[in-house]
Amino acid sequence: MKTPSKLYFYMIISVLLLVLLAVWSLNTGVYDFGGKSAFDVLGKLIQQDPDLSLSDKYVVWDVRAARIIMAVLIGSMLAVSGTSLQGLFKNPLATGDLIGLTSGATLLAAIAIVLGGHFQQYLPEAVQFSLVGISAFIGSLLSMLLVYRISTSGGKTNVVMMLLTGVAITAIGFSITGFLIYISKDEQLRDLTFWNLGSLAAATWTKNIILAIVLVISYSMLLPKGKALNAMMLGEKDAQHLGINVEKLKKQIIIMTALMIGTCVAFSGTIGFVGLIVPYILRLLFKSNYAFILPLSAVCGSILLLTADTFSRSIVQPSELPIGILTALMGGPIFIAILVKSKKSLA
C-alpha cells in the first residue's frame, strides 16, 4: 500500500471510530428523555418539531452536543501541539504540560480570574470579554520562549534542561496559584478549582466557534510540516541543507502551539498528558514518520479526550469526575514507560 493511500486508510478508520464514539457519548447521561433516545430528540430538533420540549432540546444540543464538539476540538489541538513540540525538540517528552506551557497558561488565567476585576474596566470591551483566554495564550507563549531560551544552545536542545525548566515553571505556577486560591472569593475559588482539575462542563457553541477558528489557523500551518519535522530528526544543519527554513519552522511551531494550548486551557482548564499519550502510541505504530503521526494525531487526540470525557461523566453519576484526573491516570504510566525506554539517552 502506497504511503498516501495508507495514510488515507488509517484516517478514514480513525474518523469512523470518532463518529461511533460521538454517537455513544450523545446517548450517555443521567437525563431522562421520557422513553425517547437522544437521537430521537436530535431528529425532532433538526425537523424543528414544535412539540419538542425546551429541556430536551437544551440537554441534547446545548449540553451534550456542545460538549462533544469541544472534546473533539480540544483533544485534537492538544495532541497536535504535543506531536509538533516532540518533532521540533526531537524528544518524546516535549509536551505542553511537561515543559511548563500548560502551567504558564493556567497561571496567567488564574491571575486574570482573581485580579482581573481590579483593572478590567480600563481595557477595551473586546479584551474584557476574552481576558482569561488572552492571558492563557500569553502565559503559554512566555513559558515556551523561556523554555526554548534556557534549554537551547548552539542550535541543540538539552532535554534535561528542558524538563527541569518545565518543572521550575510548574513549581512557580503552583505556588502563585496557591496564593491566589488563598486570597480568592468563593466564586473565584470555584473557577480556580475548575482550571486546576480540567473539565468540559462549561462547553458552549460560542467557545466551540473560537476553538474551531484557532484550530483552522494552527492546522493550516502545522499539518503540512510533517516532512519538515522528519528532516529535523536528522539535525538542524542537515535540515537546512535539505531546504528547510529552520528558524521559520521553529517560530511557527512555538507560536501555534502556544496559541492552541493557551486557548484550550482558557476554555477547559488543565487537561494533561493528551499530547504525550497520542504521539507515543502513534510512534509505536509508525516510528517517527511525522507525515503520518501529525495528521493522525489530530483525529486520535479527539478520540482519546472524547472517550475520557464520556467516562468522566459516567463513572460517578450523577456527579462528574474531573477529566484531568482520568488523563493523568492514563498518561502517568506512559510517562514512566518513556523514561525507562529513554533513560540512557537522558543520562
Protein backbone atom coordinates (compact mmCIF):
# COMPACT_ATOMS: atom_id res chain seq x y z
CA MET A 1 0.00 0.00 0.00
CA LYS A 2 1.47 3.37 -1.03
CA THR A 3 2.16 5.92 1.68
CA PRO A 4 -0.63 8.45 0.82
CA SER A 5 -3.26 5.74 0.39
CA LYS A 6 -2.08 4.09 3.62
CA LEU A 7 -2.49 7.40 5.46
CA TYR A 8 -5.97 7.90 3.98
CA PHE A 9 -6.94 4.39 5.08
CA TYR A 10 -5.92 4.99 8.71
CA MET A 11 -7.53 8.46 8.68
CA ILE A 12 -10.85 7.01 7.47
CA ILE A 13 -10.76 4.27 10.14
CA SER A 14 -9.96 6.85 12.83
CA VAL A 15 -12.73 9.21 11.73
CA LEU A 16 -15.27 6.37 11.70
CA LEU A 17 -14.23 5.39 15.24
CA LEU A 18 -14.59 9.02 16.32
CA VAL A 19 -18.11 9.19 14.85
CA LEU A 20 -19.10 5.99 16.71
CA LEU A 21 -17.74 7.43 19.96
CA ALA A 22 -19.68 10.66 19.39
CA VAL A 23 -22.88 8.65 18.89
CA TRP A 24 -22.24 6.73 22.11
CA SER A 25 -21.40 9.91 24.02
CA LEU A 26 -24.53 11.74 22.82
CA ASN A 27 -26.72 8.97 24.24
CA THR A 28 -24.81 8.73 27.55
CA GLY A 29 -26.07 10.59 30.61
CA VAL A 30 -28.48 10.58 33.53
CA TYR A 31 -31.13 12.81 31.98
CA ASP A 32 -34.40 11.00 31.21
CA PHE A 33 -35.97 11.89 27.85
CA GLY A 34 -39.24 10.18 28.78
CA GLY A 35 -38.69 6.92 26.92
CA LYS A 36 -37.01 8.59 23.93
CA SER A 37 -33.36 8.40 22.99
CA ALA A 38 -31.10 11.39 22.45
CA PHE A 39 -31.21 10.64 18.71
CA ASP A 40 -35.00 10.92 18.67
CA VAL A 41 -34.69 14.33 20.30
CA LEU A 42 -31.94 15.34 17.86
CA GLY A 43 -34.11 14.26 14.92
CA LYS A 44 -37.01 16.37 16.19
CA LEU A 45 -34.62 19.27 16.71
CA ILE A 46 -33.42 19.05 13.11
CA GLN A 47 -37.02 18.86 11.89
CA GLN A 48 -37.89 21.82 14.17
CA ASP A 49 -40.72 19.87 15.80
CA PRO A 50 -42.89 22.36 17.78
CA ASP A 51 -43.73 19.64 20.33
CA LEU A 52 -40.09 19.28 21.38
CA SER A 53 -39.66 20.38 25.00
CA LEU A 54 -37.13 23.10 25.78
CA SER A 55 -35.41 20.95 28.41
CA ASP A 56 -34.87 18.06 25.96
CA LYS A 57 -33.54 20.47 23.35
CA TYR A 58 -31.21 22.12 25.87
CA VAL A 59 -29.74 18.82 27.13
CA VAL A 60 -29.11 17.36 23.66
CA TRP A 61 -27.92 20.47 21.83
CA ASP A 62 -26.51 22.94 24.34
CA VAL A 63 -25.09 20.42 26.82
CA ARG A 64 -24.17 17.12 25.19
CA ALA A 65 -23.57 18.11 21.54
CA ALA A 66 -21.62 21.24 22.50
CA ARG A 67 -19.53 19.21 24.93
CA ILE A 68 -18.79 16.52 22.35
CA ILE A 69 -17.60 19.10 19.83
CA MET A 70 -15.43 20.78 22.47
CA ALA A 71 -13.85 17.41 23.37
CA VAL A 72 -13.13 16.78 19.68
CA LEU A 73 -11.55 20.21 19.15
CA ILE A 74 -9.51 20.39 22.36
CA GLY A 75 -8.35 16.77 22.20
CA SER A 76 -7.20 17.29 18.63
CA MET A 77 -5.30 20.51 19.37
CA LEU A 78 -3.60 19.13 22.49
CA ALA A 79 -2.41 16.06 20.58
CA VAL A 80 -1.14 18.05 17.59
CA SER A 81 0.64 20.55 19.83
CA GLY A 82 2.41 17.71 21.66
CA THR A 83 3.35 16.00 18.40
CA SER A 84 4.70 19.25 16.92
CA LEU A 85 6.81 20.02 20.00
CA GLN A 86 8.22 16.48 20.06
CA GLY A 87 9.20 16.81 16.41
CA LEU A 88 10.76 20.23 16.99
CA PHE A 89 12.77 19.19 20.06
CA LYS A 90 13.37 15.65 18.76
CA ASN A 91 12.24 14.13 22.05
CA PRO A 92 9.08 12.22 23.13
CA LEU A 93 8.96 14.07 26.47
CA ALA A 94 8.45 17.50 24.92
CA THR A 95 4.77 18.15 25.61
CA GLY A 96 2.98 21.28 26.72
CA ASP A 97 2.22 20.09 30.23
CA LEU A 98 5.67 18.59 30.92
CA ILE A 99 7.72 21.59 29.78
CA GLY A 100 5.57 24.17 31.55
CA LEU A 101 3.34 25.59 28.80
CA THR A 102 0.13 24.42 30.45
CA SER A 103 1.28 25.72 33.85
CA GLY A 104 2.15 29.11 32.36
CA ALA A 105 -1.23 29.35 30.67
CA THR A 106 -3.03 28.26 33.85
CA LEU A 107 -1.10 30.77 35.97
CA LEU A 108 -1.97 33.82 33.88
CA ALA A 109 -5.57 32.61 33.51
CA ALA A 110 -5.75 32.34 37.32
CA ILE A 111 -4.33 35.86 37.70
CA ALA A 112 -6.97 37.15 35.26
CA ILE A 113 -9.74 35.38 37.22
CA VAL A 114 -8.72 36.67 40.66
CA LEU A 115 -7.17 40.06 39.90
CA GLY A 116 -8.80 40.92 36.58
CA GLY A 117 -11.68 42.74 38.24
CA HIS A 118 -9.30 45.46 39.52
CA PHE A 119 -8.19 46.59 36.05
CA GLN A 120 -10.68 45.01 33.64
CA GLN A 121 -12.79 48.19 33.33
CA TYR A 122 -9.81 50.06 31.89
CA LEU A 123 -9.44 47.62 28.99
CA PRO A 124 -11.30 47.69 25.63
CA GLU A 125 -14.60 45.81 25.67
CA ALA A 126 -13.35 43.13 23.27
CA VAL A 127 -10.39 42.45 25.56
CA GLN A 128 -12.61 42.35 28.66
CA PHE A 129 -14.73 39.61 27.09
CA SER A 130 -11.72 37.39 26.36
CA LEU A 131 -9.32 38.46 29.13
CA VAL A 132 -8.86 34.94 30.52
CA GLY A 133 -8.23 33.49 27.05
CA ILE A 134 -5.74 36.20 26.11
CA SER A 135 -3.97 35.77 29.46
CA ALA A 136 -3.73 31.99 28.96
CA PHE A 137 -2.20 32.46 25.49
CA ILE A 138 0.36 34.99 26.78
CA GLY A 139 1.28 32.66 29.66
CA SER A 140 1.72 29.73 27.29
CA LEU A 141 3.82 31.79 24.85
CA LEU A 142 6.06 33.26 27.56
CA SER A 143 6.63 29.77 29.03
CA MET A 144 7.52 28.39 25.60
CA LEU A 145 10.01 31.19 24.92
CA LEU A 146 11.59 30.76 28.37
CA VAL A 147 11.96 27.00 27.95
CA TYR A 148 13.42 27.44 24.47
CA ARG A 149 15.92 30.10 25.57
CA ILE A 150 17.17 28.19 28.60
CA SER A 151 17.37 24.69 27.10
CA THR A 152 18.72 25.52 23.62
CA SER A 153 22.35 26.39 22.92
CA GLY A 154 24.16 26.32 19.60
CA GLY A 155 21.06 25.06 17.83
CA LYS A 156 20.83 22.00 20.09
CA THR A 157 18.24 21.40 22.81
CA ASN A 158 19.32 19.90 26.12
CA VAL A 159 16.44 17.63 27.06
CA VAL A 160 17.31 17.52 30.76
CA MET A 161 17.44 21.32 30.90
CA MET A 162 14.14 21.50 29.06
CA LEU A 163 12.41 19.21 31.54
CA LEU A 164 13.97 20.94 34.56
CA THR A 165 12.84 24.31 33.23
CA GLY A 166 9.36 22.88 32.89
CA VAL A 167 9.50 21.64 36.47
CA ALA A 168 10.60 25.10 37.66
CA ILE A 169 7.81 26.86 35.74
CA THR A 170 5.27 24.37 37.09
CA ALA A 171 6.52 24.89 40.67
CA ILE A 172 6.34 28.69 40.34
CA GLY A 173 2.89 28.46 38.78
CA PHE A 174 1.69 26.11 41.52
CA SER A 175 2.92 28.40 44.31
CA ILE A 176 1.44 31.58 42.84
CA THR A 177 -1.83 29.81 42.02
CA GLY A 178 -1.90 28.54 45.62
CA PHE A 179 -1.57 32.13 46.88
CA LEU A 180 -4.37 33.23 44.53
CA ILE A 181 -6.57 30.44 45.90
CA TYR A 182 -5.82 31.68 49.42
CA ILE A 183 -6.95 35.26 48.66
CA SER A 184 -9.78 34.42 46.26
CA LYS A 185 -13.50 34.73 46.94
CA ASP A 186 -15.90 31.77 46.80
CA GLU A 187 -16.88 32.24 43.15
CA GLN A 188 -13.26 32.75 42.12
CA LEU A 189 -12.27 29.68 44.12
CA ARG A 190 -14.72 27.53 42.15
CA ASP A 191 -13.30 28.87 38.88
CA LEU A 192 -9.73 28.17 40.00
CA THR A 193 -10.64 24.63 41.02
CA PHE A 194 -12.12 24.16 37.55
CA TRP A 195 -8.84 25.31 35.91
CA ASN A 196 -6.65 23.09 38.05
CA LEU A 197 -8.63 19.87 37.55
CA GLY A 198 -9.84 20.36 33.98
CA SER A 199 -13.39 19.96 32.74
CA LEU A 200 -15.52 20.35 29.63
CA ALA A 201 -18.67 21.13 31.63
CA ALA A 202 -18.57 24.80 30.58
CA ALA A 203 -18.81 23.98 26.86
CA THR A 204 -20.80 26.42 24.72
CA TRP A 205 -21.19 26.88 20.98
CA THR A 206 -19.53 30.31 21.18
CA LYS A 207 -16.41 28.75 22.71
CA ASN A 208 -16.50 25.99 20.09
CA ILE A 209 -16.53 28.56 17.29
CA ILE A 210 -13.45 30.26 18.78
CA LEU A 211 -11.71 26.88 19.20
CA ALA A 212 -12.56 25.95 15.60
CA ILE A 213 -11.08 29.22 14.30
CA VAL A 214 -7.87 28.65 16.28
CA LEU A 215 -7.74 25.05 15.02
CA VAL A 216 -8.09 26.04 11.36
CA ILE A 217 -5.43 28.75 11.64
CA SER A 218 -2.99 26.48 13.51
CA TYR A 219 -3.51 23.41 11.35
CA SER A 220 -3.08 25.35 8.13
CA MET A 221 0.50 26.00 9.29
CA LEU A 222 1.34 22.84 11.26
CA LEU A 223 -0.19 19.88 9.42
CA PRO A 224 1.84 20.40 6.21
CA LYS A 225 5.05 20.34 8.30
CA GLY A 226 5.31 16.54 8.52
CA LYS A 227 8.19 16.23 6.04
CA ALA A 228 9.97 19.24 7.57
CA LEU A 229 9.80 17.61 11.02
CA ASN A 230 11.13 14.38 9.51
CA ALA A 231 14.08 16.39 8.19
CA MET A 232 14.57 17.96 11.64
CA MET A 233 15.13 14.45 13.04
CA LEU A 234 18.43 14.45 11.11
CA GLY A 235 19.57 17.64 12.82
CA GLU A 236 19.12 21.33 12.11
CA LYS A 237 22.14 21.64 9.79
CA ASP A 238 21.05 18.68 7.67
CA ALA A 239 17.51 20.05 7.56
CA GLN A 240 18.85 23.38 6.28
CA HIS A 241 20.81 21.57 3.57
CA LEU A 242 17.54 19.93 2.51
CA GLY A 243 15.98 23.38 2.02
CA ILE A 244 14.11 23.69 5.33
CA ASN A 245 13.94 27.18 6.81
CA VAL A 246 14.67 26.00 10.36
CA GLU A 247 14.22 29.33 12.16
CA LYS A 248 10.89 29.99 10.45
CA LEU A 249 9.74 26.46 11.30
CA LYS A 250 10.68 26.95 14.96
CA LYS A 251 8.81 30.26 15.21
CA GLN A 252 5.69 28.83 13.58
CA ILE A 253 5.58 25.78 15.86
CA ILE A 254 6.30 27.81 19.02
CA ILE A 255 3.61 30.42 18.30
CA MET A 256 0.96 27.97 17.06
CA THR A 257 1.43 25.51 19.93
CA ALA A 258 1.28 28.37 22.42
CA LEU A 259 -1.92 29.62 20.76
CA MET A 260 -3.54 26.17 20.84
CA ILE A 261 -2.54 25.30 24.40
CA GLY A 262 -3.47 28.75 25.69
CA THR A 263 -6.91 28.59 24.08
CA CYS A 264 -7.54 25.06 25.36
CA VAL A 265 -6.54 26.00 28.91
CA ALA A 266 -8.75 29.11 28.77
CA PHE A 267 -11.85 27.04 27.97
CA SER A 268 -11.21 23.69 29.67
CA GLY A 269 -8.59 24.23 32.36
CA THR A 270 -5.61 21.92 32.83
CA ILE A 271 -6.01 18.66 30.88
CA GLY A 272 -2.65 16.95 30.90
CA PHE A 273 -0.89 14.14 29.05
CA VAL A 274 -3.04 14.11 25.87
CA GLY A 275 -0.04 15.46 23.94
CA LEU A 276 2.10 12.68 25.43
CA ILE A 277 -0.20 9.66 25.08
CA VAL A 278 -1.31 10.08 21.46
CA PRO A 279 2.11 10.65 19.80
CA TYR A 280 3.61 7.83 21.89
CA ILE A 281 1.04 5.30 20.65
CA LEU A 282 1.28 6.52 17.05
CA ARG A 283 5.08 6.38 17.20
CA LEU A 284 4.88 2.71 18.19
CA LEU A 285 2.85 2.10 15.00
CA PHE A 286 4.58 4.42 12.52
CA LYS A 287 8.03 5.01 14.07
CA SER A 288 8.93 8.71 13.81
CA ASN A 289 7.31 9.44 10.46
CA TYR A 290 5.64 12.80 11.15
CA ALA A 291 3.98 12.78 7.75
CA PHE A 292 1.81 10.03 9.32
CA ILE A 293 1.89 10.96 13.00
CA LEU A 294 0.94 14.63 12.64
CA PRO A 295 -2.39 14.27 10.75
CA LEU A 296 -3.36 11.09 12.61
CA SER A 297 -2.74 12.74 15.98
CA ALA A 298 -5.37 15.34 15.07
CA VAL A 299 -8.05 12.62 14.98
CA CYS A 300 -6.66 10.31 17.66
CA GLY A 301 -6.43 13.16 20.16
CA SER A 302 -10.16 13.75 19.68
CA ILE A 303 -10.83 10.03 20.18
CA LEU A 304 -8.84 9.96 23.43
CA LEU A 305 -10.38 13.06 25.00
CA LEU A 306 -13.94 12.24 23.94
CA THR A 307 -13.58 8.75 25.44
CA ALA A 308 -12.13 10.15 28.67
CA ASP A 309 -14.86 12.81 28.92
CA THR A 310 -17.66 10.30 28.37
CA PHE A 311 -16.26 8.09 31.12
CA SER A 312 -15.72 11.10 33.40
CA ARG A 313 -19.47 11.86 33.39
CA SER A 314 -20.47 8.19 33.59
CA ILE A 315 -18.32 6.70 36.36
CA VAL A 316 -19.78 8.60 39.31
CA GLN A 317 -23.24 9.54 38.04
CA PRO A 318 -24.97 11.89 38.67
CA SER A 319 -21.75 13.69 39.64
CA GLU A 320 -18.84 14.23 37.29
CA LEU A 321 -15.19 13.24 37.67
CA PRO A 322 -12.77 15.98 36.51
CA ILE A 323 -11.36 14.89 33.16
CA GLY A 324 -7.83 15.94 34.09
CA ILE A 325 -7.77 13.15 36.68
CA LEU A 326 -8.50 10.49 34.06
CA THR A 327 -5.95 11.76 31.52
CA ALA A 328 -3.31 11.93 34.27
CA LEU A 329 -4.09 8.33 35.28
CA MET A 330 -3.63 7.26 31.65
CA GLY A 331 -0.60 9.44 30.99
CA GLY A 332 1.40 8.68 34.15
CA PRO A 333 2.26 5.06 33.26
CA ILE A 334 3.12 6.07 29.68
CA PHE A 335 5.39 8.83 31.00
CA ILE A 336 7.20 6.26 33.17
CA ALA A 337 7.46 3.89 30.19
CA ILE A 338 9.06 6.63 28.07
CA LEU A 339 11.51 7.48 30.88
CA VAL A 340 12.52 3.81 31.25
CA LYS A 341 12.94 3.47 27.48
CA SER A 342 14.90 6.72 27.18
CA LYS A 343 16.98 6.58 30.40
CA LYS A 344 20.26 6.02 28.53
CA SER A 345 19.77 8.99 26.22
CA LEU A 346 18.75 11.21 29.15
CA ALA A 347 21.79 10.27 31.23
